[in-house]
């Protein structure tokens, strides 16, 4: 594949290395200063840019017939609009808050556990996510996806940072050192607790998942998720 990288920070550089190792070619590296994009040279775009650039990057690709894999967080208030533009242009789109294969299995485990715990009112759920100090958004997109998975499968109605009531999932966000990403879900009662956790050791898993998604979407039209890529549906 010929891949265009939208955003060439740490994640973009790791995607470049993994893509090349898997036999692909990086034909464009687009950042905030790029003014001329040769869309015709792209088989797929992988977007790990910034919240303010993501929507323009993604929809520009759709309008020029380029499928998009996006892992940029912090722009999702425009997600529905992006999906509509994708559909209008018969494009291909996968957005994920986290492309790690392990995290996407963790998403499924989290949803299943939420179903099991839904009627056990003596247990109160809480969440914690830990990331490096350079991470701009809080809570992480992965934490929000996890919280939404609990809400869909329980009586909880919303999540909030550092705030809890009967219908609210509290999320604690910690920023320290160079932590790639750790997410914990805890159900606690007066007598015990149940905890599940995913801990990333480096960013390689995120980058590999994005490249695998880019390989998978070739020739497909529609809006998909990593569930489709990993056949978890």
C-alpha atoms as a PDB file:
ATOM      1  CA  UNK A   1       0.000   0.000   0.000  1.00  0.00           C
ATOM      2  CA  UNK A   2       0.899   3.617  -0.451  1.00  0.00           C
ATOM      3  CA  UNK A   3       0.183   5.294   2.884  1.00  0.00           C
ATOM      4  CA  UNK A   4      -0.223   8.956   3.732  1.00  0.00           C
ATOM      5  CA  UNK A   5       0.573   9.820   7.345  1.00  0.00           C
ATOM      6  CA  UNK A   6      -1.467  12.722   8.700  1.00  0.00           C
ATOM      7  CA  UNK A   7       0.557  13.737  11.734  1.00  0.00           C
ATOM      8  CA  UNK A   8       4.210  12.792  11.991  1.00  0.00           C
ATOM      9  CA  UNK A   9       4.871  12.811  15.708  1.00  0.00           C
ATOM     10  CA  UNK A  10       5.973   9.848  17.801  1.00  0.00           C
ATOM     11  CA  UNK A  11       3.051   7.717  16.699  1.00  0.00           C
ATOM     12  CA  UNK A  12       3.453   8.658  13.052  1.00  0.00           C
ATOM     13  CA  UNK A  13       7.120   7.685  13.115  1.00  0.00           C
ATOM     14  CA  UNK A  14       6.328   4.321  14.716  1.00  0.00           C
ATOM     15  CA  UNK A  15       3.589   3.639  12.166  1.00  0.00           C
ATOM     16  CA  UNK A  16       6.083   4.460   9.425  1.00  0.00           C
ATOM     17  CA  UNK A  17       8.555   1.883  10.716  1.00  0.00           C
ATOM     18  CA  UNK A  18       5.979  -0.872  11.166  1.00  0.00           C
ATOM     19  CA  UNK A  19       4.341  -0.175   7.797  1.00  0.00           C
ATOM     20  CA  UNK A  20       7.697  -0.359   6.036  1.00  0.00           C
ATOM     21  CA  UNK A  21       8.544  -3.584   7.871  1.00  0.00           C
ATOM     22  CA  UNK A  22       5.278  -5.026   6.515  1.00  0.00           C
ATOM     23  CA  UNK A  23       6.152  -4.065   2.936  1.00  0.00           C
ATOM     24  CA  UNK A  24       4.240  -0.795   2.583  1.00  0.00           C
ATOM     25  CA  UNK A  25       5.429   2.618   1.387  1.00  0.00           C
ATOM     26  CA  UNK A  26       4.975   5.963   3.090  1.00  0.00           C
ATOM     27  CA  UNK A  27       4.337   8.357   0.212  1.00  0.00           C
ATOM     28  CA  UNK A  28       3.288  11.437   2.198  1.00  0.00           C
ATOM     29  CA  UNK A  29       3.907  12.922   5.628  1.00  0.00           C
ATOM     30  CA  UNK A  30       1.357  15.659   6.249  1.00  0.00           C
ATOM     31  CA  UNK A  31       1.587  18.111   9.127  1.00  0.00           C
ATOM     32  CA  UNK A  32       0.133  21.511   9.985  1.00  0.00           C
ATOM     33  CA  UNK A  33       2.373  23.267   7.435  1.00  0.00           C
ATOM     34  CA  UNK A  34       1.474  21.030   4.478  1.00  0.00           C
ATOM     35  CA  UNK A  35      -0.510  22.891   1.825  1.00  0.00           C
ATOM     36  CA  UNK A  36      -0.400  20.528  -1.174  1.00  0.00           C
ATOM     37  CA  UNK A  37      -1.556  16.911  -0.834  1.00  0.00           C
ATOM     38  CA  UNK A  38      -1.376  14.434  -3.718  1.00  0.00           C
ATOM     39  CA  UNK A  39      -4.448  12.359  -2.822  1.00  0.00           C
ATOM     40  CA  UNK A  40      -4.189  10.302  -6.008  1.00  0.00           C
ATOM     41  CA  UNK A  41      -0.950   8.761  -4.737  1.00  0.00           C
ATOM     42  CA  UNK A  42      -2.611   7.451  -1.545  1.00  0.00           C
ATOM     43  CA  UNK A  43      -4.179   4.028  -1.080  1.00  0.00           C
ATOM     44  CA  UNK A  44      -5.039   4.900   2.524  1.00  0.00           C
ATOM     45  CA  UNK A  45      -4.537   7.681   5.066  1.00  0.00           C
ATOM     46  CA  UNK A  46      -3.586   7.074   8.678  1.00  0.00           C
ATOM     47  CA  UNK A  47      -4.442  10.050  10.864  1.00  0.00           C
ATOM     48  CA  UNK A  48      -2.739  10.579  14.208  1.00  0.00           C
ATOM     49  CA  UNK A  49      -2.742  14.353  14.060  1.00  0.00           C
ATOM     50  CA  UNK A  50      -4.218  16.893  16.494  1.00  0.00           C
ATOM     51  CA  UNK A  51      -7.830  17.483  17.600  1.00  0.00           C
ATOM     52  CA  UNK A  52      -8.101  20.731  15.651  1.00  0.00           C
ATOM     53  CA  UNK A  53      -6.699  19.202  12.432  1.00  0.00           C
ATOM     54  CA  UNK A  54      -8.348  15.776  12.450  1.00  0.00           C
ATOM     55  CA  UNK A  55     -11.755  16.633  11.006  1.00  0.00           C
ATOM     56  CA  UNK A  56     -10.282  18.520   8.041  1.00  0.00           C
ATOM     57  CA  UNK A  57      -7.743  15.779   7.394  1.00  0.00           C
ATOM     58  CA  UNK A  58     -10.351  13.033   7.494  1.00  0.00           C
ATOM     59  CA  UNK A  59     -13.044  14.713   5.404  1.00  0.00           C
ATOM     60  CA  UNK A  60     -10.513  15.964   2.865  1.00  0.00           C
ATOM     61  CA  UNK A  61      -9.523  12.353   2.255  1.00  0.00           C
ATOM     62  CA  UNK A  62     -13.132  11.218   1.888  1.00  0.00           C
ATOM     63  CA  UNK A  63     -13.803  13.927  -0.690  1.00  0.00           C
ATOM     64  CA  UNK A  64     -10.800  12.686  -2.663  1.00  0.00           C
ATOM     65  CA  UNK A  65     -11.567   8.960  -2.521  1.00  0.00           C
ATOM     66  CA  UNK A  66      -9.019   7.991   0.140  1.00  0.00           C
ATOM     67  CA  UNK A  67     -10.067   5.652   2.978  1.00  0.00           C
ATOM     68  CA  UNK A  68      -9.072   6.777   6.463  1.00  0.00           C
ATOM     69  CA  UNK A  69      -7.811   5.129   9.617  1.00  0.00           C
ATOM     70  CA  UNK A  70      -7.959   7.647  12.472  1.00  0.00           C
ATOM     71  CA  UNK A  71      -6.728   7.378  16.039  1.00  0.00           C
ATOM     72  CA  UNK A  72      -6.806  11.088  16.885  1.00  0.00           C
ATOM     73  CA  UNK A  73      -8.843  11.831  20.005  1.00  0.00           C
ATOM     74  CA  UNK A  74     -10.447  15.051  21.202  1.00  0.00           C
ATOM     75  CA  UNK A  75     -12.461  15.881  18.040  1.00  0.00           C
ATOM     76  CA  UNK A  76     -15.440  13.537  18.358  1.00  0.00           C
ATOM     77  CA  UNK A  77     -18.072  16.252  18.596  1.00  0.00           C
ATOM     78  CA  UNK A  78     -17.749  16.242  14.786  1.00  0.00           C
ATOM     79  CA  UNK A  79     -17.672  12.453  14.393  1.00  0.00           C
ATOM     80  CA  UNK A  80     -21.263  12.181  13.121  1.00  0.00           C
ATOM     81  CA  UNK A  81     -20.566  14.874  10.533  1.00  0.00           C
ATOM     82  CA  UNK A  82     -17.441  13.029   9.394  1.00  0.00           C
ATOM     83  CA  UNK A  83     -19.432   9.801   9.065  1.00  0.00           C
ATOM     84  CA  UNK A  84     -22.053  11.595   6.939  1.00  0.00           C
ATOM     85  CA  UNK A  85     -19.352  12.953   4.613  1.00  0.00           C
ATOM     86  CA  UNK A  86     -17.804   9.482   4.381  1.00  0.00           C
ATOM     87  CA  UNK A  87     -21.153   7.991   3.377  1.00  0.00           C
ATOM     88  CA  UNK A  88     -21.891  10.778   0.882  1.00  0.00           C
ATOM     89  CA  UNK A  89     -18.597  10.026  -0.850  1.00  0.00           C
ATOM     90  CA  UNK A  90     -18.866   6.218  -0.521  1.00  0.00           C
ATOM     91  CA  UNK A  91     -15.664   6.203   1.483  1.00  0.00           C
ATOM     92  CA  UNK A  92     -14.069   3.857   3.960  1.00  0.00           C
ATOM     93  CA  UNK A  93     -13.493   4.860   7.584  1.00  0.00           C
ATOM     94  CA  UNK A  94     -12.264   3.302  10.795  1.00  0.00           C
ATOM     95  CA  UNK A  95     -11.995   5.417  13.924  1.00  0.00           C
ATOM     96  CA  UNK A  96     -10.699   3.914  17.153  1.00  0.00           C
ATOM     97  CA  UNK A  97      -9.741   5.552  20.407  1.00  0.00           C
ATOM     98  CA  UNK A  98      -7.109   2.822  20.628  1.00  0.00           C
ATOM     99  CA  UNK A  99      -5.887   0.504  17.866  1.00  0.00           C
ATOM    100  CA  UNK A 100      -4.035  -1.889  20.148  1.00  0.00           C
ATOM    101  CA  UNK A 101      -5.202  -5.450  19.532  1.00  0.00           C
ATOM    102  CA  UNK A 102      -5.018  -6.137  23.267  1.00  0.00           C
ATOM    103  CA  UNK A 103      -7.032  -3.035  24.153  1.00  0.00           C
ATOM    104  CA  UNK A 104      -9.785  -3.981  21.731  1.00  0.00           C
ATOM    105  CA  UNK A 105     -10.029  -7.387  23.385  1.00  0.00           C
ATOM    106  CA  UNK A 106     -10.086  -5.493  26.699  1.00  0.00           C
ATOM    107  CA  UNK A 107     -13.042  -3.425  25.423  1.00  0.00           C
ATOM    108  CA  UNK A 108     -14.992  -6.663  24.897  1.00  0.00           C
ATOM    109  CA  UNK A 109     -13.978  -8.029  28.302  1.00  0.00           C
ATOM    110  CA  UNK A 110     -15.065  -4.754  29.913  1.00  0.00           C
ATOM    111  CA  UNK A 111     -18.503  -4.873  28.264  1.00  0.00           C
ATOM    112  CA  UNK A 112     -19.005  -8.514  29.271  1.00  0.00           C
ATOM    113  CA  UNK A 113     -18.024  -7.809  32.878  1.00  0.00           C
ATOM    114  CA  UNK A 114     -20.395  -4.814  32.977  1.00  0.00           C
ATOM    115  CA  UNK A 115     -23.267  -7.102  31.956  1.00  0.00           C
ATOM    116  CA  UNK A 116     -22.333  -9.566  34.715  1.00  0.00           C
ATOM    117  CA  UNK A 117     -22.164  -6.819  37.353  1.00  0.00           C
ATOM    118  CA  UNK A 118     -25.253  -4.868  36.243  1.00  0.00           C
ATOM    119  CA  UNK A 119     -27.616  -6.345  38.836  1.00  0.00           C
ATOM    120  CA  UNK A 120     -25.125  -6.453  41.710  1.00  0.00           C
ATOM    121  CA  UNK A 121     -25.924  -3.104  43.292  1.00  0.00           C
ATOM    122  CA  UNK A 122     -23.500  -3.611  46.194  1.00  0.00           C
ATOM    123  CA  UNK A 123     -20.601  -3.056  43.775  1.00  0.00           C
ATOM    124  CA  UNK A 124     -19.649   0.468  42.691  1.00  0.00           C
ATOM    125  CA  UNK A 125     -17.557   0.902  39.542  1.00  0.00           C
ATOM    126  CA  UNK A 126     -14.645   3.313  39.159  1.00  0.00           C
ATOM    127  CA  UNK A 127     -11.974   3.832  36.517  1.00  0.00           C
ATOM    128  CA  UNK A 128      -8.398   5.083  36.361  1.00  0.00           C
ATOM    129  CA  UNK A 129      -6.219   5.880  33.372  1.00  0.00           C
ATOM    130  CA  UNK A 130      -2.509   6.745  33.490  1.00  0.00           C
ATOM    131  CA  UNK A 131      -0.608   8.328  30.600  1.00  0.00           C
ATOM    132  CA  UNK A 132       2.573  10.257  29.863  1.00  0.00           C
ATOM    133  CA  UNK A 133       2.710  13.968  30.646  1.00  0.00           C
ATOM    134  CA  UNK A 134       2.607  14.942  26.945  1.00  0.00           C
ATOM    135  CA  UNK A 135      -0.924  13.588  26.478  1.00  0.00           C
ATOM    136  CA  UNK A 136      -3.212  16.541  25.756  1.00  0.00           C
ATOM    137  CA  UNK A 137      -6.684  15.183  26.517  1.00  0.00           C
ATOM    138  CA  UNK A 138      -8.143  13.866  29.777  1.00  0.00           C
ATOM    139  CA  UNK A 139      -9.680  11.442  30.229  1.00  0.00           C
ATOM    140  CA  UNK A 140      -8.145   9.432  27.427  1.00  0.00           C
ATOM    141  CA  UNK A 141     -10.251   8.404  24.464  1.00  0.00           C
ATOM    142  CA  UNK A 142      -9.701   4.805  25.538  1.00  0.00           C
ATOM    143  CA  UNK A 143     -11.115   5.547  28.986  1.00  0.00           C
ATOM    144  CA  UNK A 144     -14.167   7.185  27.430  1.00  0.00           C
ATOM    145  CA  UNK A 145     -14.719   4.125  25.220  1.00  0.00           C
ATOM    146  CA  UNK A 146     -14.464   1.888  28.285  1.00  0.00           C
ATOM    147  CA  UNK A 147     -16.933   4.069  30.195  1.00  0.00           C
ATOM    148  CA  UNK A 148     -19.356   3.994  27.273  1.00  0.00           C
ATOM    149  CA  UNK A 149     -19.073   0.206  27.207  1.00  0.00           C
ATOM    150  CA  UNK A 150     -20.140   0.080  30.856  1.00  0.00           C
ATOM    151  CA  UNK A 151     -22.999   2.553  30.319  1.00  0.00           C
ATOM    152  CA  UNK A 152     -24.351   0.504  27.394  1.00  0.00           C
ATOM    153  CA  UNK A 153     -24.494  -2.614  29.562  1.00  0.00           C
ATOM    154  CA  UNK A 154     -25.602  -1.274  32.958  1.00  0.00           C
ATOM    155  CA  UNK A 155     -27.775   1.323  34.679  1.00  0.00           C
ATOM    156  CA  UNK A 156     -25.000   3.937  34.780  1.00  0.00           C
ATOM    157  CA  UNK A 157     -25.962   7.042  32.827  1.00  0.00           C
ATOM    158  CA  UNK A 158     -22.747   9.032  32.412  1.00  0.00           C
ATOM    159  CA  UNK A 159     -19.080   9.409  33.334  1.00  0.00           C
ATOM    160  CA  UNK A 160     -17.251  12.360  34.881  1.00  0.00           C
ATOM    161  CA  UNK A 161     -13.719  13.204  35.912  1.00  0.00           C
ATOM    162  CA  UNK A 162     -13.205  12.788  39.672  1.00  0.00           C
ATOM    163  CA  UNK A 163     -16.918  12.919  40.429  1.00  0.00           C
ATOM    164  CA  UNK A 164     -19.203  10.149  41.541  1.00  0.00           C
ATOM    165  CA  UNK A 165     -22.845   9.538  42.318  1.00  0.00           C
ATOM    166  CA  UNK A 166     -25.172   6.580  41.961  1.00  0.00           C
ATOM    167  CA  UNK A 167     -25.565   6.960  38.205  1.00  0.00           C
ATOM    168  CA  UNK A 168     -22.090   8.333  37.369  1.00  0.00           C
ATOM    169  CA  UNK A 169     -18.860   6.471  36.600  1.00  0.00           C
ATOM    170  CA  UNK A 170     -15.914   8.366  38.123  1.00  0.00           C
ATOM    171  CA  UNK A 171     -12.738   8.473  36.039  1.00  0.00           C
ATOM    172  CA  UNK A 172      -9.389   9.414  37.540  1.00  0.00           C
ATOM    173  CA  UNK A 173      -6.803  10.684  35.049  1.00  0.00           C
ATOM    174  CA  UNK A 174      -3.132  10.612  36.017  1.00  0.00           C
ATOM    175  CA  UNK A 175      -0.313  12.145  33.951  1.00  0.00           C
ATOM    176  CA  UNK A 176       3.188  11.025  34.880  1.00  0.00           C
ATOM    177  CA  UNK A 177       6.508  10.169  33.303  1.00  0.00           C
ATOM    178  CA  UNK A 178       6.476   8.400  29.950  1.00  0.00           C
ATOM    179  CA  UNK A 179       3.668   5.901  30.631  1.00  0.00           C
ATOM    180  CA  UNK A 180       2.273   4.680  27.257  1.00  0.00           C
ATOM    181  CA  UNK A 181      -1.146   3.901  28.725  1.00  0.00           C
ATOM    182  CA  UNK A 182      -2.676   1.965  31.620  1.00  0.00           C
ATOM    183  CA  UNK A 183      -6.438   1.548  32.100  1.00  0.00           C
ATOM    184  CA  UNK A 184      -8.126  -0.029  35.115  1.00  0.00           C
ATOM    185  CA  UNK A 185     -11.774  -0.843  35.841  1.00  0.00           C
ATOM    186  CA  UNK A 186     -12.644  -1.577  39.464  1.00  0.00           C
ATOM    187  CA  UNK A 187     -15.860  -2.892  41.003  1.00  0.00           C
ATOM    188  CA  UNK A 188     -15.737  -2.494  44.777  1.00  0.00           C
ATOM    189  CA  UNK A 189     -18.099  -3.527  47.569  1.00  0.00           C
ATOM    190  CA  UNK A 190     -17.734  -3.443  51.340  1.00  0.00           C
ATOM    191  CA  UNK A 191     -16.257  -6.954  51.327  1.00  0.00           C
ATOM    192  CA  UNK A 192     -14.146  -7.260  48.167  1.00  0.00           C
ATOM    193  CA  UNK A 193     -13.213  -5.831  44.799  1.00  0.00           C
ATOM    194  CA  UNK A 194     -12.858  -7.043  41.240  1.00  0.00           C
ATOM    195  CA  UNK A 195     -10.397  -5.308  38.935  1.00  0.00           C
ATOM    196  CA  UNK A 196      -9.430  -5.701  35.291  1.00  0.00           C
ATOM    197  CA  UNK A 197      -6.483  -3.808  33.817  1.00  0.00           C
ATOM    198  CA  UNK A 198      -4.715  -3.295  30.527  1.00  0.00           C
ATOM    199  CA  UNK A 199      -1.150  -1.970  30.598  1.00  0.00           C
ATOM    200  CA  UNK A 200       0.701  -1.007  27.433  1.00  0.00           C
ATOM    201  CA  UNK A 201       4.469  -1.446  27.548  1.00  0.00           C
ATOM    202  CA  UNK A 202       5.129   0.786  24.526  1.00  0.00           C
ATOM    203  CA  UNK A 203       3.358   2.415  21.576  1.00  0.00           C
ATOM    204  CA  UNK A 204       4.194  -0.362  19.137  1.00  0.00           C
ATOM    205  CA  UNK A 205       0.901  -2.165  19.736  1.00  0.00           C
ATOM    206  CA  UNK A 206      -1.093   0.970  18.860  1.00  0.00           C
ATOM    207  CA  UNK A 207       0.869   1.482  15.639  1.00  0.00           C
ATOM    208  CA  UNK A 208       0.646  -2.166  14.571  1.00  0.00           C
ATOM    209  CA  UNK A 209      -3.130  -2.174  15.026  1.00  0.00           C
ATOM    210  CA  UNK A 210      -3.488   0.956  12.885  1.00  0.00           C
ATOM    211  CA  UNK A 211      -1.466  -0.602  10.056  1.00  0.00           C
ATOM    212  CA  UNK A 212      -3.473  -3.841  10.275  1.00  0.00           C
ATOM    213  CA  UNK A 213      -6.674  -1.752  10.060  1.00  0.00           C
ATOM    214  CA  UNK A 214      -5.281   0.044   6.982  1.00  0.00           C
ATOM    215  CA  UNK A 215      -4.579  -3.312   5.341  1.00  0.00           C
ATOM    216  CA  UNK A 216      -8.065  -4.587   6.192  1.00  0.00           C
ATOM    217  CA  UNK A 217     -10.009  -1.592   4.817  1.00  0.00           C
ATOM    218  CA  UNK A 218      -8.602  -1.864   1.308  1.00  0.00           C
ATOM    219  CA  UNK A 219     -11.469  -2.199  -1.185  1.00  0.00           C
ATOM    220  CA  UNK A 220     -14.192  -1.719   1.449  1.00  0.00           C
ATOM    221  CA  UNK A 221     -16.878   0.963   1.587  1.00  0.00           C
ATOM    222  CA  UNK A 222     -18.481   1.946   4.867  1.00  0.00           C
ATOM    223  CA  UNK A 223     -17.819   2.921   8.462  1.00  0.00           C
ATOM    224  CA  UNK A 224     -16.196   0.189  10.521  1.00  0.00           C
ATOM    225  CA  UNK A 225     -14.608  -0.414  13.912  1.00  0.00           C
ATOM    226  CA  UNK A 226     -11.797  -2.579  15.220  1.00  0.00           C
ATOM    227  CA  UNK A 227     -14.471  -5.131  16.084  1.00  0.00           C
ATOM    228  CA  UNK A 228     -14.858  -5.663  12.346  1.00  0.00           C
ATOM    229  CA  UNK A 229     -11.108  -5.813  11.766  1.00  0.00           C
ATOM    230  CA  UNK A 230     -10.620  -8.412  14.514  1.00  0.00           C
ATOM    231  CA  UNK A 231     -13.877 -10.266  13.765  1.00  0.00           C
ATOM    232  CA  UNK A 232     -15.161  -9.643  17.301  1.00  0.00           C
ATOM    233  CA  UNK A 233     -18.717  -8.798  16.224  1.00  0.00           C
END
